[in-house]
Amino acid sequence: MTIYFIKRLLEMIPTIIGITLISFFIIHLAPGKPTDILAELNPKITPEAREKLEKYYGLDKPIIVQYGIWLKRIGKLDFGESFSTDKRPVWDKIKERLPITILINVLSMILVLIIAIPIGVSSATHQYSLYDKITTVGVFIGFAIPTFWFALLLMILFGVYLDWLPISGLKSLNYENISTSGKIWDIASHLILPVFLEAFGGLAGLSRYMRSNMLEVIRSDYITTARAKGLSERVVIYKHAMRNALLPVITILGLSVPGLIGGSVIFETIFAIPGMGQLFFMSVMTRDYPLIMGILTIGAILTLAGNLLSDIGYAVADPRIRTR
């Protein structure tokens, strides 16, 4: 198992380099430069001053040279300084917001697993029943509804009409003046809608995958043999069938990490949550290249880490994979 883990870990290095190379070239293909933003704020700026700014930021060098300088800096775990007016280190900006994004994604993933797997298993074991038909219709509705539009509806319902949940930010204005238990509930109430909506899309897909996998597994010969041996239906389903049905689901969970991170941009912008998604949106709008690359790199690492966890989970569920 250790050799398998080290092998997968080493395979991540060239993948990260390839992702950063493509990302670096793509963001430079976008129209405009960071100096354009500064020039718009000062219409009296001269072409000579603009050239000095480009030289100061290193934008006068060829793109491949800029990437080489950036990659050399990354090798020292230095993401550089932001192009924004505060000139703060990129890593300082990211580490302030990274825990919030990870928290929302982890909570939404847990919510998906807790709800989707039981729904998929029960739908498969009660195929064509009323329960199966209701969950199927519900899943199709979940696929069809645009999550950003659904988010606005829930904000209007629970935040405006019912006034049950806050719809903006991560803390209330009086956060410092409330008790410890009140602070915990305050943060939790702010996270309810974002976590639910983050999990909404994955919930629909994962429950269908689980259902189809279970239907295939429970028709296998070894399940028939297990029943013929006199094992209870609960043992047959949850000990023998579900473990094998989880193998494709584990892979899907690893591949869903990029979607969760990408979805953070939408939800954190809608709910004004100070996470990586909101920071990424602002960095793109201001063409802050170092900050964009820093966030993309961290996102790539988190994505590959999710795939690595998926591989490890696959190996735990299926010992044959460990020898590959």
Protein backbone atom coordinates (compact mmCIF):
# COMPACT_ATOMS: atom_id res chain seq x y z
CA MET A 1 0.00 0.00 0.00
CA THR A 2 2.89 2.39 0.79
CA ILE A 3 4.54 1.79 -2.59
CA TYR A 4 1.20 2.37 -4.31
CA PHE A 5 0.78 5.66 -2.44
CA ILE A 6 4.33 6.89 -3.28
CA LYS A 7 3.89 5.95 -6.94
CA ARG A 8 0.67 7.94 -7.23
CA LEU A 9 2.28 10.86 -5.36
CA LEU A 10 5.21 11.04 -7.79
CA GLU A 11 2.86 10.95 -10.77
CA MET A 12 1.30 14.19 -9.52
CA ILE A 13 4.48 16.26 -10.09
CA PRO A 14 4.53 16.29 -13.94
CA THR A 15 0.75 16.71 -13.95
CA ILE A 16 0.96 19.87 -11.82
CA ILE A 17 3.72 21.27 -14.06
CA GLY A 18 1.60 20.61 -17.15
CA ILE A 19 -1.49 22.25 -15.59
CA THR A 20 0.46 25.36 -14.55
CA LEU A 21 2.08 25.65 -17.99
CA ILE A 22 -1.25 25.56 -19.82
CA SER A 23 -2.89 27.89 -17.28
CA PHE A 24 -0.04 30.42 -17.50
CA PHE A 25 -0.30 30.67 -21.27
CA ILE A 26 -4.11 30.83 -21.28
CA ILE A 27 -4.37 33.73 -18.83
CA HIS A 28 -1.85 35.70 -20.92
CA LEU A 29 -3.95 35.11 -24.04
CA ALA A 30 -6.84 37.03 -22.46
CA PRO A 31 -7.13 40.62 -23.73
CA GLY A 32 -5.67 43.35 -21.58
CA LYS A 33 -2.86 43.58 -19.04
CA PRO A 34 -2.66 44.47 -15.35
CA THR A 35 -1.18 47.82 -16.35
CA ASP A 36 -4.39 48.65 -18.23
CA ILE A 37 -6.28 48.72 -14.92
CA LEU A 38 -3.75 51.14 -13.44
CA ALA A 39 -3.87 53.27 -16.56
CA GLU A 40 -7.66 53.52 -16.41
CA LEU A 41 -7.43 54.81 -12.85
CA ASN A 42 -5.00 57.50 -14.01
CA PRO A 43 -5.95 58.79 -17.48
CA LYS A 44 -2.93 61.14 -17.50
CA ILE A 45 -0.43 58.27 -17.42
CA THR A 46 2.14 58.47 -20.25
CA PRO A 47 3.26 55.61 -22.53
CA GLU A 48 6.70 55.80 -20.91
CA ALA A 49 5.16 55.28 -17.48
CA ARG A 50 3.16 52.34 -18.80
CA GLU A 51 6.35 50.76 -20.15
CA LYS A 52 8.04 51.22 -16.77
CA LEU A 53 5.11 49.49 -15.09
CA GLU A 54 5.32 46.56 -17.49
CA LYS A 55 9.06 46.29 -16.86
CA TYR A 56 8.50 46.49 -13.11
CA TYR A 57 6.03 43.59 -13.23
CA GLY A 58 8.21 41.64 -15.70
CA LEU A 59 5.55 41.76 -18.41
CA ASP A 60 8.05 43.00 -21.01
CA LYS A 61 9.74 39.58 -21.16
CA PRO A 62 8.59 36.73 -23.45
CA ILE A 63 5.88 34.53 -21.97
CA ILE A 64 8.09 31.45 -21.75
CA VAL A 65 10.67 33.46 -19.81
CA GLN A 66 7.97 34.76 -17.47
CA TYR A 67 6.80 31.19 -16.88
CA GLY A 68 10.36 30.04 -16.17
CA ILE A 69 10.79 32.79 -13.56
CA TRP A 70 7.43 31.93 -12.01
CA LEU A 71 8.21 28.19 -11.94
CA LYS A 72 11.61 28.82 -10.34
CA ARG A 73 9.90 30.90 -7.66
CA ILE A 74 7.29 28.19 -7.09
CA GLY A 75 10.12 25.70 -6.56
CA LYS A 76 11.01 27.78 -3.50
CA LEU A 77 7.32 27.79 -2.42
CA ASP A 78 7.05 31.49 -3.24
CA PHE A 79 3.94 32.57 -5.14
CA GLY A 80 5.21 36.14 -5.48
CA GLU A 81 3.42 39.38 -4.70
CA SER A 82 -0.01 40.43 -5.85
CA PHE A 83 -0.30 43.08 -8.58
CA SER A 84 -2.99 44.83 -6.55
CA THR A 85 -2.33 48.08 -4.73
CA ASP A 86 -1.72 46.37 -1.37
CA LYS A 87 1.31 44.42 -2.78
CA ARG A 88 0.67 41.59 -0.33
CA PRO A 89 2.23 38.15 -0.85
CA VAL A 90 -0.06 35.87 -2.83
CA TRP A 91 0.21 33.06 -0.30
CA ASP A 92 -0.92 35.36 2.53
CA LYS A 93 -4.08 36.19 0.59
CA ILE A 94 -4.76 32.55 -0.27
CA LYS A 95 -4.20 31.10 3.21
CA GLU A 96 -6.73 33.56 4.66
CA ARG A 97 -9.48 32.24 2.41
CA LEU A 98 -8.47 28.64 1.67
CA PRO A 99 -9.86 27.14 4.93
CA ILE A 100 -13.30 28.63 4.23
CA THR A 101 -13.49 27.09 0.76
CA ILE A 102 -12.20 23.73 1.99
CA LEU A 103 -14.74 23.76 4.85
CA ILE A 104 -17.66 24.41 2.50
CA ASN A 105 -16.50 21.75 0.02
CA VAL A 106 -15.87 19.11 2.71
CA LEU A 107 -19.24 19.72 4.36
CA SER A 108 -21.04 19.56 1.01
CA MET A 109 -19.20 16.32 0.11
CA ILE A 110 -20.17 14.76 3.45
CA LEU A 111 -23.78 15.84 2.90
CA VAL A 112 -23.75 14.27 -0.56
CA LEU A 113 -22.42 10.97 0.78
CA ILE A 114 -24.84 10.84 3.71
CA ILE A 115 -27.89 11.41 1.50
CA ALA A 116 -26.99 10.10 -1.98
CA ILE A 117 -25.70 6.64 -1.07
CA PRO A 118 -28.75 5.57 1.01
CA ILE A 119 -31.08 6.96 -1.68
CA GLY A 120 -29.25 5.06 -4.41
CA VAL A 121 -29.17 1.79 -2.45
CA SER A 122 -32.84 1.94 -1.42
CA SER A 123 -33.91 2.89 -4.96
CA ALA A 124 -32.05 -0.12 -6.35
CA THR A 125 -33.46 -2.55 -3.78
CA HIS A 126 -37.00 -1.21 -4.39
CA GLN A 127 -36.80 -0.87 -8.16
CA TYR A 128 -39.95 0.47 -9.89
CA SER A 129 -41.64 1.08 -6.54
CA LEU A 130 -43.35 4.37 -5.69
CA TYR A 131 -40.28 5.40 -3.69
CA ASP A 132 -38.03 4.71 -6.68
CA LYS A 133 -40.25 6.73 -8.99
CA ILE A 134 -40.39 9.68 -6.57
CA THR A 135 -36.60 9.77 -6.15
CA THR A 136 -36.11 9.48 -9.92
CA VAL A 137 -38.38 12.46 -10.55
CA GLY A 138 -36.61 14.39 -7.80
CA VAL A 139 -33.22 13.64 -9.32
CA PHE A 140 -34.32 14.78 -12.77
CA ILE A 141 -35.57 18.02 -11.23
CA GLY A 142 -32.22 18.42 -9.49
CA PHE A 143 -30.41 17.99 -12.80
CA ALA A 144 -32.70 20.44 -14.58
CA ILE A 145 -32.68 23.35 -12.12
CA PRO A 146 -29.78 25.81 -12.59
CA THR A 147 -28.12 25.98 -9.18
CA PHE A 148 -27.40 29.73 -9.34
CA TRP A 149 -31.09 30.41 -10.06
CA PHE A 150 -32.13 28.02 -7.28
CA ALA A 151 -29.73 29.85 -4.96
CA LEU A 152 -31.49 33.15 -5.63
CA LEU A 153 -34.89 31.57 -4.96
CA LEU A 154 -33.71 30.14 -1.62
CA MET A 155 -32.16 33.46 -0.66
CA ILE A 156 -35.46 35.23 -1.31
CA LEU A 157 -37.48 32.57 0.55
CA PHE A 158 -35.34 31.93 3.65
CA GLY A 159 -33.54 35.26 3.83
CA VAL A 160 -36.16 37.82 2.79
CA TYR A 161 -39.66 36.40 3.25
CA LEU A 162 -39.11 34.03 6.20
CA ASP A 163 -36.02 35.76 7.60
CA TRP A 164 -34.69 32.43 8.93
CA LEU A 165 -31.19 32.42 7.47
CA PRO A 166 -28.60 35.08 6.58
CA ILE A 167 -27.86 35.38 2.88
CA SER A 168 -24.56 37.25 2.82
CA GLY A 169 -21.11 36.87 4.30
CA LEU A 170 -19.79 34.41 6.87
CA LYS A 171 -20.47 36.33 10.08
CA SER A 172 -23.06 38.80 11.33
CA LEU A 173 -22.20 42.41 12.12
CA ASN A 174 -22.60 41.79 15.88
CA TYR A 175 -20.49 38.61 15.81
CA GLU A 176 -17.94 39.87 18.36
CA ASN A 177 -20.64 40.74 20.90
CA ILE A 178 -22.45 37.39 21.04
CA SER A 179 -21.73 34.31 23.16
CA THR A 180 -19.56 31.36 22.09
CA SER A 181 -22.56 29.17 21.30
CA GLY A 182 -24.09 32.11 19.46
CA LYS A 183 -20.93 32.49 17.38
CA ILE A 184 -21.04 28.82 16.41
CA TRP A 185 -24.68 29.07 15.35
CA ASP A 186 -24.01 32.34 13.55
CA ILE A 187 -21.32 30.77 11.34
CA ALA A 188 -23.38 27.58 10.89
CA SER A 189 -26.47 29.54 9.82
CA HIS A 190 -24.39 31.42 7.25
CA LEU A 191 -23.11 28.11 5.85
CA ILE A 192 -26.43 26.26 5.57
CA LEU A 193 -27.51 27.62 2.18
CA PRO A 194 -24.05 27.60 0.51
CA VAL A 195 -23.31 24.02 1.68
CA PHE A 196 -26.74 22.76 0.63
CA LEU A 197 -26.52 24.36 -2.80
CA GLU A 198 -22.94 23.17 -3.27
CA ALA A 199 -24.12 19.63 -2.60
CA PHE A 200 -27.34 19.93 -4.60
CA GLY A 201 -25.94 19.12 -8.02
CA GLY A 202 -23.66 16.31 -6.80
CA LEU A 203 -26.50 14.77 -4.81
CA ALA A 204 -28.62 14.17 -7.91
CA GLY A 205 -25.81 12.62 -9.95
CA LEU A 206 -24.27 10.46 -7.24
CA SER A 207 -27.56 8.91 -6.18
CA ARG A 208 -28.22 7.81 -9.79
CA TYR A 209 -24.72 6.35 -10.13
CA MET A 210 -25.19 4.46 -6.88
CA ARG A 211 -28.56 3.12 -8.02
CA SER A 212 -27.28 1.89 -11.38
CA ASN A 213 -24.21 0.28 -9.78
CA MET A 214 -26.31 -1.47 -7.14
CA LEU A 215 -28.73 -2.79 -9.77
CA GLU A 216 -25.81 -4.30 -11.65
CA VAL A 217 -24.19 -5.79 -8.54
CA ILE A 218 -27.32 -7.34 -6.96
CA ARG A 219 -27.88 -9.31 -10.18
CA SER A 220 -24.44 -10.91 -9.94
CA ASP A 221 -23.97 -14.62 -9.27
CA TYR A 222 -22.13 -14.14 -5.99
CA ILE A 223 -25.09 -12.19 -4.58
CA THR A 224 -27.38 -15.08 -5.54
CA THR A 225 -24.94 -17.45 -3.83
CA ALA A 226 -24.88 -15.30 -0.69
CA ARG A 227 -28.67 -15.41 -0.51
CA ALA A 228 -28.65 -19.17 -1.12
CA LYS A 229 -26.34 -19.60 1.87
CA GLY A 230 -29.08 -18.17 4.07
CA LEU A 231 -27.54 -14.75 4.79
CA SER A 232 -29.96 -12.03 5.78
CA GLU A 233 -30.96 -9.53 3.13
CA ARG A 234 -29.36 -6.71 5.14
CA VAL A 235 -25.98 -8.51 5.17
CA VAL A 236 -26.24 -9.33 1.48
CA ILE A 237 -27.01 -5.75 0.50
CA TYR A 238 -24.84 -3.72 2.84
CA LYS A 239 -21.86 -6.04 3.31
CA HIS A 240 -21.50 -7.79 -0.03
CA ALA A 241 -23.31 -5.73 -2.66
CA MET A 242 -22.75 -2.16 -1.52
CA ARG A 243 -18.98 -2.50 -1.11
CA ASN A 244 -18.57 -3.50 -4.76
CA ALA A 245 -21.09 -0.92 -5.91
CA LEU A 246 -19.05 1.81 -4.20
CA LEU A 247 -15.98 1.30 -6.42
CA PRO A 248 -17.19 3.45 -9.36
CA VAL A 249 -18.67 5.97 -6.90
CA ILE A 250 -15.25 6.44 -5.26
CA THR A 251 -13.80 7.35 -8.65
CA ILE A 252 -16.65 9.79 -9.33
CA LEU A 253 -16.05 11.47 -5.95
CA GLY A 254 -12.42 12.10 -6.85
CA LEU A 255 -13.38 13.51 -10.24
CA SER A 256 -16.04 15.74 -8.66
CA VAL A 257 -13.46 17.77 -6.71
CA PRO A 258 -12.76 20.17 -9.65
CA GLY A 259 -16.49 20.82 -9.97
CA LEU A 260 -16.76 21.67 -6.29
CA ILE A 261 -13.83 24.07 -6.46
CA GLY A 262 -15.17 25.66 -9.65
CA GLY A 263 -18.61 25.96 -8.10
CA SER A 264 -17.09 27.90 -5.21
CA VAL A 265 -16.56 30.83 -7.57
CA ILE A 266 -20.32 31.05 -8.18
CA PHE A 267 -21.59 30.43 -4.67
CA GLU A 268 -19.01 32.54 -2.86
CA THR A 269 -19.75 35.41 -5.22
CA ILE A 270 -23.54 35.06 -4.79
CA PHE A 271 -23.36 34.78 -0.99
CA ALA A 272 -20.41 37.20 -0.61
CA ILE A 273 -18.37 34.56 1.25
CA PRO A 274 -14.68 35.51 1.59
CA GLY A 275 -13.29 32.29 0.15
CA MET A 276 -10.98 31.32 -2.70
CA GLY A 277 -13.79 31.46 -5.24
CA GLN A 278 -14.55 35.11 -4.53
CA LEU A 279 -10.81 35.91 -4.45
CA PHE A 280 -10.33 34.19 -7.81
CA PHE A 281 -13.17 36.18 -9.36
CA MET A 282 -11.71 39.48 -8.15
CA SER A 283 -8.21 38.53 -9.32
CA VAL A 284 -9.51 37.74 -12.82
CA MET A 285 -11.37 41.04 -12.99
CA THR A 286 -8.18 42.95 -12.07
CA ARG A 287 -5.89 40.70 -14.17
CA ASP A 288 -3.76 39.93 -11.13
CA TYR A 289 -1.58 37.25 -12.78
CA PRO A 290 0.38 36.08 -9.70
CA LEU A 291 -2.80 35.71 -7.66
CA ILE A 292 -4.62 33.91 -10.51
CA MET A 293 -1.73 31.47 -10.93
CA GLY A 294 -1.48 30.93 -7.19
CA ILE A 295 -5.17 30.05 -6.91
CA LEU A 296 -5.05 27.82 -10.01
CA THR A 297 -2.01 26.01 -8.62
CA ILE A 298 -3.63 25.44 -5.23
CA GLY A 299 -6.81 24.31 -7.00
CA ALA A 300 -4.81 21.86 -9.13
CA ILE A 301 -3.08 20.46 -6.05
CA LEU A 302 -6.41 20.04 -4.25
CA THR A 303 -7.89 18.35 -7.33
CA LEU A 304 -4.99 15.93 -7.64
CA ALA A 305 -5.16 15.31 -3.89
CA GLY A 306 -8.83 14.41 -4.31
CA ASN A 307 -7.94 12.00 -7.10
CA LEU A 308 -5.18 10.54 -4.91
CA LEU A 309 -7.66 9.97 -2.10
CA SER A 310 -9.96 8.38 -4.66
CA ASP A 311 -7.17 6.00 -5.74
CA ILE A 312 -6.40 5.13 -2.12
CA GLY A 313 -10.08 4.49 -1.43
CA TYR A 314 -10.25 2.32 -4.53
CA ALA A 315 -7.23 0.35 -3.33
CA VAL A 316 -8.77 -0.11 0.11
CA ALA A 317 -12.03 -1.35 -1.38
CA ASP A 318 -10.32 -3.57 -3.99
CA PRO A 319 -7.00 -5.10 -2.81
CA ARG A 320 -6.16 -6.20 -6.36
CA ILE A 321 -5.42 -2.59 -7.33
CA ARG A 322 -2.58 -2.27 -4.81
CA THR A 323 -0.36 -4.59 -6.85
CA ARG A 324 -0.58 -2.52 -10.05
